[in-house]
């Protein structure tokens, strides 16, 4: 048994980090512009709950990928 929480192949670590940073960048752009993109634009003024849930889930996914790449 490995003493690590999980295992990931070394060549995939960079891919997971880049994907996580991309998700964090998408969240930052959504907050800056007031538009989130998921099957089309979601405007903050028109659909605030959907907008913030999209931004929160994208941010959470990005954070989990980036931090998870250091744990694995």
PDB file of N, CA and C in Angstrom:
ATOM      1  N   UNK A   1       0.836  -1.195   0.000  1.00  0.00           N
ATOM      2  CA  UNK A   1       0.000   0.000   0.000  1.00  0.00           C
ATOM      3  C   UNK A   1       0.873   1.249   0.000  1.00  0.00           C
ATOM      4  N   UNK A   2       0.405   2.216  -0.677  1.00  0.00           N
ATOM      5  CA  UNK A   2       1.101   3.497  -0.717  1.00  0.00           C
ATOM      6  C   UNK A   2       0.675   4.349   0.468  1.00  0.00           C
ATOM      7  N   UNK A   3       1.586   5.165   0.959  1.00  0.00           N
ATOM      8  CA  UNK A   3       1.255   6.036   2.076  1.00  0.00           C
ATOM      9  C   UNK A   3       0.626   7.350   1.615  1.00  0.00           C
ATOM     10  N   UNK A   4       0.450   7.517   0.319  1.00  0.00           N
ATOM     11  CA  UNK A   4      -0.183   8.722  -0.219  1.00  0.00           C
ATOM     12  C   UNK A   4      -1.701   8.547  -0.257  1.00  0.00           C
ATOM     13  N   UNK A   5      -2.413   9.668  -0.264  1.00  0.00           N
ATOM     14  CA  UNK A   5      -3.875   9.620  -0.335  1.00  0.00           C
ATOM     15  C   UNK A   5      -4.359   9.079  -1.675  1.00  0.00           C
ATOM     16  N   UNK A   6      -3.667   9.431  -2.730  1.00  0.00           N
ATOM     17  CA  UNK A   6      -4.038   8.967  -4.061  1.00  0.00           C
ATOM     18  C   UNK A   6      -2.783   8.928  -4.916  1.00  0.00           C
ATOM     19  N   UNK A   7      -2.901   8.339  -6.053  1.00  0.00           N
ATOM     20  CA  UNK A   7      -1.765   8.290  -6.965  1.00  0.00           C
ATOM     21  C   UNK A   7      -2.203   8.835  -8.316  1.00  0.00           C
ATOM     22  N   UNK A   8      -1.310   9.542  -8.937  1.00  0.00           N
ATOM     23  CA  UNK A   8      -1.554  10.075 -10.272  1.00  0.00           C
ATOM     24  C   UNK A   8      -0.250   9.934 -11.038  1.00  0.00           C
ATOM     25  N   UNK A   9      -0.347   9.586 -12.277  1.00  0.00           N
ATOM     26  CA  UNK A   9       0.862   9.411 -13.066  1.00  0.00           C
ATOM     27  C   UNK A   9       1.535  10.762 -13.264  1.00  0.00           C
ATOM     28  N   UNK A  10       2.865  10.797 -13.186  1.00  0.00           N
ATOM     29  CA  UNK A  10       3.592  12.074 -13.244  1.00  0.00           C
ATOM     30  C   UNK A  10       3.294  12.906 -14.489  1.00  0.00           C
ATOM     31  N   UNK A  11       3.072  12.248 -15.620  1.00  0.00           N
ATOM     32  CA  UNK A  11       2.812  13.032 -16.835  1.00  0.00           C
ATOM     33  C   UNK A  11       1.442  13.701 -16.812  1.00  0.00           C
ATOM     34  N   UNK A  12       0.566  13.283 -15.912  1.00  0.00           N
ATOM     35  CA  UNK A  12      -0.760  13.889 -15.828  1.00  0.00           C
ATOM     36  C   UNK A  12      -0.838  15.027 -14.805  1.00  0.00           C
ATOM     37  N   UNK A  13       0.181  15.176 -13.967  1.00  0.00           N
ATOM     38  CA  UNK A  13       0.157  16.224 -12.946  1.00  0.00           C
ATOM     39  C   UNK A  13       0.092  17.596 -13.596  1.00  0.00           C
ATOM     40  N   UNK A  14       0.895  17.816 -14.601  1.00  0.00           N
ATOM     41  CA  UNK A  14       0.906  19.109 -15.286  1.00  0.00           C
ATOM     42  C   UNK A  14      -0.448  19.382 -15.933  1.00  0.00           C
ATOM     43  N   UNK A  15      -1.045  18.371 -16.533  1.00  0.00           N
ATOM     44  CA  UNK A  15      -2.345  18.543 -17.171  1.00  0.00           C
ATOM     45  C   UNK A  15      -3.407  18.938 -16.141  1.00  0.00           C
ATOM     46  N   UNK A  16      -3.390  18.305 -14.982  1.00  0.00           N
ATOM     47  CA  UNK A  16      -4.376  18.622 -13.943  1.00  0.00           C
ATOM     48  C   UNK A  16      -4.169  20.042 -13.440  1.00  0.00           C
ATOM     49  N   UNK A  17      -2.917  20.459 -13.254  1.00  0.00           N
ATOM     50  CA  UNK A  17      -2.638  21.830 -12.794  1.00  0.00           C
ATOM     51  C   UNK A  17      -3.064  22.870 -13.827  1.00  0.00           C
ATOM     52  N   UNK A  18      -2.783  22.605 -15.093  1.00  0.00           N
ATOM     53  CA  UNK A  18      -3.171  23.552 -16.151  1.00  0.00           C
ATOM     54  C   UNK A  18      -4.692  23.637 -16.246  1.00  0.00           C
ATOM     55  N   UNK A  19      -5.371  22.505 -16.153  1.00  0.00           N
ATOM     56  CA  UNK A  19      -6.835  22.508 -16.185  1.00  0.00           C
ATOM     57  C   UNK A  19      -7.390  23.312 -15.007  1.00  0.00           C
ATOM     58  N   UNK A  20      -6.828  23.096 -13.810  1.00  0.00           N
ATOM     59  CA  UNK A  20      -7.273  23.836 -12.629  1.00  0.00           C
ATOM     60  C   UNK A  20      -7.041  25.336 -12.766  1.00  0.00           C
ATOM     61  N   UNK A  21      -5.891  25.710 -13.286  1.00  0.00           N
ATOM     62  CA  UNK A  21      -5.609  27.136 -13.487  1.00  0.00           C
ATOM     63  C   UNK A  21      -6.542  27.730 -14.544  1.00  0.00           C
ATOM     64  N   UNK A  22      -6.878  26.949 -15.551  1.00  0.00           N
ATOM     65  CA  UNK A  22      -7.834  27.413 -16.560  1.00  0.00           C
ATOM     66  C   UNK A  22      -9.209  27.656 -15.964  1.00  0.00           C
ATOM     67  N   UNK A  23      -9.635  26.772 -15.077  1.00  0.00           N
ATOM     68  CA  UNK A  23     -10.935  26.954 -14.417  1.00  0.00           C
ATOM     69  C   UNK A  23     -10.921  28.183 -13.510  1.00  0.00           C
ATOM     70  N   UNK A  24      -9.815  28.394 -12.809  1.00  0.00           N
ATOM     71  CA  UNK A  24      -9.701  29.588 -11.971  1.00  0.00           C
ATOM     72  C   UNK A  24      -9.684  30.862 -12.826  1.00  0.00           C
ATOM     73  N   UNK A  25      -9.032  30.796 -13.971  1.00  0.00           N
ATOM     74  CA  UNK A  25      -9.030  31.949 -14.879  1.00  0.00           C
ATOM     75  C   UNK A  25     -10.435  32.217 -15.417  1.00  0.00           C
ATOM     76  N   UNK A  26     -11.174  31.159 -15.741  1.00  0.00           N
ATOM     77  CA  UNK A  26     -12.549  31.330 -16.218  1.00  0.00           C
ATOM     78  C   UNK A  26     -13.424  31.963 -15.132  1.00  0.00           C
ATOM     79  N   UNK A  27     -13.201  31.590 -13.889  1.00  0.00           N
ATOM     80  CA  UNK A  27     -13.953  32.190 -12.781  1.00  0.00           C
ATOM     81  C   UNK A  27     -13.614  33.661 -12.627  1.00  0.00           C
ATOM     82  N   UNK A  28     -12.334  33.982 -12.730  1.00  0.00           N
ATOM     83  CA  UNK A  28     -11.913  35.386 -12.601  1.00  0.00           C
ATOM     84  C   UNK A  28     -12.489  36.237 -13.727  1.00  0.00           C
ATOM     85  N   UNK A  29     -12.496  35.699 -14.931  1.00  0.00           N
ATOM     86  CA  UNK A  29     -13.067  36.425 -16.066  1.00  0.00           C
ATOM     87  C   UNK A  29     -14.562  36.605 -15.880  1.00  0.00           C
ATOM     88  N   UNK A  30     -15.235  35.580 -15.379  1.00  0.00           N
ATOM     89  CA  UNK A  30     -16.683  35.678 -15.146  1.00  0.00           C
ATOM     90  C   UNK A  30     -16.998  36.748 -14.105  1.00  0.00           C
ATOM     91  N   UNK A  31     -16.202  36.811 -13.053  1.00  0.00           N
ATOM     92  CA  UNK A  31     -16.439  37.828 -12.028  1.00  0.00           C
ATOM     93  C   UNK A  31     -16.151  39.220 -12.577  1.00  0.00           C
ATOM     94  N   UNK A  32     -15.092  39.355 -13.371  1.00  0.00           N
ATOM     95  CA  UNK A  32     -14.719  40.664 -13.918  1.00  0.00           C
ATOM     96  C   UNK A  32     -15.738  41.178 -14.938  1.00  0.00           C
ATOM     97  N   UNK A  33     -16.291  40.277 -15.757  1.00  0.00           N
ATOM     98  CA  UNK A  33     -17.188  40.713 -16.824  1.00  0.00           C
ATOM     99  C   UNK A  33     -18.662  40.636 -16.460  1.00  0.00           C
ATOM    100  N   UNK A  34     -19.002  39.847 -15.439  1.00  0.00           N
ATOM    101  CA  UNK A  34     -20.407  39.667 -15.085  1.00  0.00           C
ATOM    102  C   UNK A  34     -21.119  38.674 -15.983  1.00  0.00           C
ATOM    103  N   UNK A  35     -20.338  37.880 -16.734  1.00  0.00           N
ATOM    104  CA  UNK A  35     -20.908  36.864 -17.622  1.00  0.00           C
ATOM    105  C   UNK A  35     -20.206  35.544 -17.361  1.00  0.00           C
ATOM    106  N   UNK A  36     -20.978  34.520 -17.074  1.00  0.00           N
ATOM    107  CA  UNK A  36     -20.447  33.163 -16.962  1.00  0.00           C
ATOM    108  C   UNK A  36     -20.921  32.393 -18.189  1.00  0.00           C
ATOM    109  N   UNK A  37     -20.140  31.454 -18.635  1.00  0.00           N
ATOM    110  CA  UNK A  37     -20.485  30.718 -19.853  1.00  0.00           C
ATOM    111  C   UNK A  37     -20.706  29.246 -19.544  1.00  0.00           C
ATOM    112  N   UNK A  38     -21.905  28.798 -19.815  1.00  0.00           N
ATOM    113  CA  UNK A  38     -22.279  27.394 -19.663  1.00  0.00           C
ATOM    114  C   UNK A  38     -23.454  27.166 -20.621  1.00  0.00           C
ATOM    115  N   UNK A  39     -23.169  26.612 -21.779  1.00  0.00           N
ATOM    116  CA  UNK A  39     -24.186  26.463 -22.836  1.00  0.00           C
ATOM    117  C   UNK A  39     -24.728  27.813 -23.276  1.00  0.00           C
ATOM    118  N   UNK A  40     -23.912  28.818 -23.191  1.00  0.00           N
ATOM    119  CA  UNK A  40     -24.293  30.183 -23.546  1.00  0.00           C
ATOM    120  C   UNK A  40     -24.030  31.106 -22.373  1.00  0.00           C
ATOM    121  N   UNK A  41     -24.076  32.401 -22.610  1.00  0.00           N
ATOM    122  CA  UNK A  41     -23.762  33.348 -21.527  1.00  0.00           C
ATOM    123  C   UNK A  41     -24.858  33.407 -20.457  1.00  0.00           C
ATOM    124  N   UNK A  42     -24.436  33.511 -19.216  1.00  0.00           N
ATOM    125  CA  UNK A  42     -25.332  33.704 -18.081  1.00  0.00           C
ATOM    126  C   UNK A  42     -24.976  35.062 -17.485  1.00  0.00           C
ATOM    127  N   UNK A  43     -25.889  35.998 -17.549  1.00  0.00           N
ATOM    128  CA  UNK A  43     -25.625  37.348 -17.065  1.00  0.00           C
ATOM    129  C   UNK A  43     -25.951  37.466 -15.582  1.00  0.00           C
ATOM    130  N   UNK A  44     -25.080  38.175 -14.854  1.00  0.00           N
ATOM    131  CA  UNK A  44     -25.253  38.337 -13.412  1.00  0.00           C
ATOM    132  C   UNK A  44     -26.543  39.057 -13.070  1.00  0.00           C
ATOM    133  N   UNK A  45     -26.936  40.038 -13.855  1.00  0.00           N
ATOM    134  CA  UNK A  45     -28.137  40.823 -13.560  1.00  0.00           C
ATOM    135  C   UNK A  45     -29.421  40.043 -13.848  1.00  0.00           C
ATOM    136  N   UNK A  46     -29.392  39.197 -14.873  1.00  0.00           N
ATOM    137  CA  UNK A  46     -30.606  38.491 -15.290  1.00  0.00           C
ATOM    138  C   UNK A  46     -30.863  37.214 -14.493  1.00  0.00           C
ATOM    139  N   UNK A  47     -29.818  36.481 -14.180  1.00  0.00           N
ATOM    140  CA  UNK A  47     -29.951  35.198 -13.465  1.00  0.00           C
ATOM    141  C   UNK A  47     -28.893  35.124 -12.354  1.00  0.00           C
ATOM    142  N   UNK A  48     -29.081  35.871 -11.274  1.00  0.00           N
ATOM    143  CA  UNK A  48     -28.026  35.933 -10.259  1.00  0.00           C
ATOM    144  C   UNK A  48     -27.719  34.591  -9.588  1.00  0.00           C
ATOM    145  N   UNK A  49     -28.713  33.787  -9.279  1.00  0.00           N
ATOM    146  CA  UNK A  49     -28.460  32.511  -8.614  1.00  0.00           C
ATOM    147  C   UNK A  49     -27.688  31.557  -9.528  1.00  0.00           C
ATOM    148  N   UNK A  50     -28.119  31.448 -10.764  1.00  0.00           N
ATOM    149  CA  UNK A  50     -27.438  30.580 -11.721  1.00  0.00           C
ATOM    150  C   UNK A  50     -26.014  31.063 -11.973  1.00  0.00           C
ATOM    151  N   UNK A  51     -25.848  32.375 -12.076  1.00  0.00           N
ATOM    152  CA  UNK A  51     -24.526  32.963 -12.300  1.00  0.00           C
ATOM    153  C   UNK A  51     -23.577  32.613 -11.161  1.00  0.00           C
ATOM    154  N   UNK A  52     -23.998  32.865  -9.920  1.00  0.00           N
ATOM    155  CA  UNK A  52     -23.112  32.636  -8.778  1.00  0.00           C
ATOM    156  C   UNK A  52     -22.857  31.161  -8.540  1.00  0.00           C
ATOM    157  N   UNK A  53     -23.826  30.306  -8.829  1.00  0.00           N
ATOM    158  CA  UNK A  53     -23.591  28.864  -8.704  1.00  0.00           C
ATOM    159  C   UNK A  53     -22.576  28.391  -9.748  1.00  0.00           C
ATOM    160  N   UNK A  54     -22.649  28.935 -10.947  1.00  0.00           N
ATOM    161  CA  UNK A  54     -21.686  28.582 -11.988  1.00  0.00           C
ATOM    162  C   UNK A  54     -20.291  29.050 -11.613  1.00  0.00           C
ATOM    163  N   UNK A  55     -20.183  30.282 -11.135  1.00  0.00           N
ATOM    164  CA  UNK A  55     -18.878  30.815 -10.730  1.00  0.00           C
ATOM    165  C   UNK A  55     -18.321  30.023  -9.550  1.00  0.00           C
ATOM    166  N   UNK A  56     -19.167  29.716  -8.574  1.00  0.00           N
ATOM    167  CA  UNK A  56     -18.705  28.970  -7.400  1.00  0.00           C
ATOM    168  C   UNK A  56     -18.246  27.567  -7.776  1.00  0.00           C
ATOM    169  N   UNK A  57     -18.994  26.886  -8.621  1.00  0.00           N
ATOM    170  CA  UNK A  57     -18.611  25.517  -8.992  1.00  0.00           C
ATOM    171  C   UNK A  57     -17.339  25.510  -9.835  1.00  0.00           C
ATOM    172  N   UNK A  58     -17.194  26.484 -10.723  1.00  0.00           N
ATOM    173  CA  UNK A  58     -15.974  26.574 -11.530  1.00  0.00           C
ATOM    174  C   UNK A  58     -14.766  26.872 -10.646  1.00  0.00           C
ATOM    175  N   UNK A  59     -14.935  27.776  -9.695  1.00  0.00           N
ATOM    176  CA  UNK A  59     -13.844  28.106  -8.773  1.00  0.00           C
ATOM    177  C   UNK A  59     -13.472  26.909  -7.912  1.00  0.00           C
ATOM    178  N   UNK A  60     -14.469  26.217  -7.391  1.00  0.00           N
ATOM    179  CA  UNK A  60     -14.212  25.062  -6.549  1.00  0.00           C
ATOM    180  C   UNK A  60     -13.494  23.962  -7.319  1.00  0.00           C
ATOM    181  N   UNK A  61     -13.911  23.720  -8.542  1.00  0.00           N
ATOM    182  CA  UNK A  61     -13.253  22.716  -9.369  1.00  0.00           C
ATOM    183  C   UNK A  61     -11.794  23.089  -9.620  1.00  0.00           C
ATOM    184  N   UNK A  62     -11.547  24.366  -9.907  1.00  0.00           N
ATOM    185  CA  UNK A  62     -10.173  24.824 -10.129  1.00  0.00           C
ATOM    186  C   UNK A  62      -9.305  24.665  -8.900  1.00  0.00           C
ATOM    187  N   UNK A  63      -9.826  25.037  -7.742  1.00  0.00           N
ATOM    188  CA  UNK A  63      -9.066  24.912  -6.493  1.00  0.00           C
ATOM    189  C   UNK A  63      -8.787  23.446  -6.180  1.00  0.00           C
ATOM    190  N   UNK A  64      -9.784  22.592  -6.357  1.00  0.00           N
ATOM    191  CA  UNK A  64      -9.583  21.168  -6.073  1.00  0.00           C
ATOM    192  C   UNK A  64      -8.543  20.553  -7.002  1.00  0.00           C
ATOM    193  N   UNK A  65      -8.547  20.946  -8.269  1.00  0.00           N
ATOM    194  CA  UNK A  65      -7.554  20.398  -9.204  1.00  0.00           C
ATOM    195  C   UNK A  65      -6.145  20.859  -8.850  1.00  0.00           C
ATOM    196  N   UNK A  66      -5.997  22.143  -8.571  1.00  0.00           N
ATOM    197  CA  UNK A  66      -4.666  22.670  -8.265  1.00  0.00           C
ATOM    198  C   UNK A  66      -4.135  22.083  -6.954  1.00  0.00           C
ATOM    199  N   UNK A  67      -4.942  22.111  -5.902  1.00  0.00           N
ATOM    200  CA  UNK A  67      -4.490  21.566  -4.625  1.00  0.00           C
ATOM    201  C   UNK A  67      -4.335  20.050  -4.687  1.00  0.00           C
ATOM    202  N   UNK A  68      -5.216  19.387  -5.384  1.00  0.00           N
ATOM    203  CA  UNK A  68      -5.139  17.947  -5.517  1.00  0.00           C
ATOM    204  C   UNK A  68      -3.888  17.481  -6.265  1.00  0.00           C
ATOM    205  N   UNK A  69      -3.405  18.300  -7.177  1.00  0.00           N
ATOM    206  CA  UNK A  69      -2.199  17.912  -7.895  1.00  0.00           C
ATOM    207  C   UNK A  69      -0.970  17.925  -6.996  1.00  0.00           C
ATOM    208  N   UNK A  70      -1.006  18.693  -5.908  1.00  0.00           N
ATOM    209  CA  UNK A  70       0.105  18.698  -4.964  1.00  0.00           C
ATOM    210  C   UNK A  70      -0.017  17.561  -3.950  1.00  0.00           C
ATOM    211  N   UNK A  71      -1.248  17.126  -3.660  1.00  0.00           N
ATOM    212  CA  UNK A  71      -1.455  16.046  -2.701  1.00  0.00           C
ATOM    213  C   UNK A  71      -1.107  14.701  -3.326  1.00  0.00           C
ATOM    214  N   UNK A  72      -1.508  14.523  -4.595  1.00  0.00           N
ATOM    215  CA  UNK A  72      -1.297  13.227  -5.252  1.00  0.00           C
ATOM    216  C   UNK A  72       0.127  13.080  -5.746  1.00  0.00           C
TER     217      UNK A  72
END
